Amino acid sequence: AAASTLVFNLANPTTQKAPLILGDNAVIANGVNGTLNVTNGFIQVSNKSFATVKAINIADGQGIIFNTDANNANTLNLQAGGTTINFTGTDGTGRLVLLSKHAAATNFNITGSLGGNLKGVIEFNTVAVDGQLTANAGAANAVIGTNNGAGRAAGFVVSVDNGKVATIDGQVYAKDMVIQSANATGQVNFRHIVDVGADGTTAFKTAASKVTITQDSNFGNTDFGNLAAQIKVPNAITLTGNFTGDASNPGNTAGVITFDANGTLESASADANVAVTNNITAIEASGAGVVQLSGTHAAELRLGNAGSIFKLADGTVINGKVNQTALVGGALAAGTITLDGSATITGDIGNAGG
């Protein structure tokens, strides 16, 4: 079949909240010879055949939503066989939304990566049912963006809900990241590097969620948004960023960073005057191991194991208390604080075995 182009340039543009919905009967034939351009509006596709289109081009501020059946089992393969999803225009604010769907596509298997060149906002939505966003080449490969510089996607949004889980099996490089839970306790699991880059941001929105990482990661300037969100850090991992409880209201305190065992919390800023944590609820050392801190913090330090140790680098300032409040899902224990030089702790120390 000859090459063909399908253009969605809607006279009455639709939005992500109210897209033009193409039902199951809207099918693409000979997609390998086709181009689909979304130049004005948002469309939502239901049939997996749209994944076979040779090139999908998304203009600035426009978008395509995949709410489809699966290629195989619960998996929808995207960018397979040389097909591409591209973000065009000058600022690359086009949006690709991947909806995890009951009894259909819940695992989005990506060949190559999505976004890059500081273009493209990718949203992975598991509000309805748990889902996975997977790098076809394996978790040690990029699935969003390609590197933590010019190769970043413009944005990455993960939408979850109470009791629902979004798992990202691949490296994530996006300039601005949003974690939003429709209701409290949605969970996001990153199975490899997350890096927003030197000027990147992370924002928690709507309701409290829990995020787990598995590799050294940089969340950049992070706003917990006055939500009881939690970042969990496994053994021997470094979390980098500058974390604020509520950027819109500095009087609020929110957000918890929990280390399972050994770990390091580092500033993402080259400016030593920028606080590593600013009015977050707590930094927790929940298990046996050494958690290394430096710089300035406004947070409570909590120790959850007799073998828990906070090691404070020379010049560290803790504007907060120690062991006054139980850990998230745990109890306080008589752990240890060690100083590698001099450090300042302004709050009360010790409570019920702390």
Foldseek 3Di string as FASTA:
>chain_A
DAAEEAEAADPPAEAPVGFAEDDQVDADDPLCRYEYEYDGHEYEYAELRVQSHQEYEFEAPYEYEYNYFDPPFQEREHCPPNRDYYQDDDQQNYEYEYERYPRGHQEYEYEAAPAFQLHYEYEYEQAPAAHEYAHNVWLAAAHAFHDQPSRGHQEYEYEYEAPYEYEYRHEHEHQEYEYEYCEAAYEYEYEAEYENHLNGAYEYDNAEYEYEYDAAYEHEAYEPQLYQHEYEYEPPYEYEYAYEDRPVDLVGEHYEYEYAAEYEYYYSDPDLQRASYRRYAAYEDQYAYEYEYEGEYAYEYFYNYQNYEYEYEAAYEYAYEYHPDQDDVGGGAQHYYHYNHDYYYDYYYDDDHD
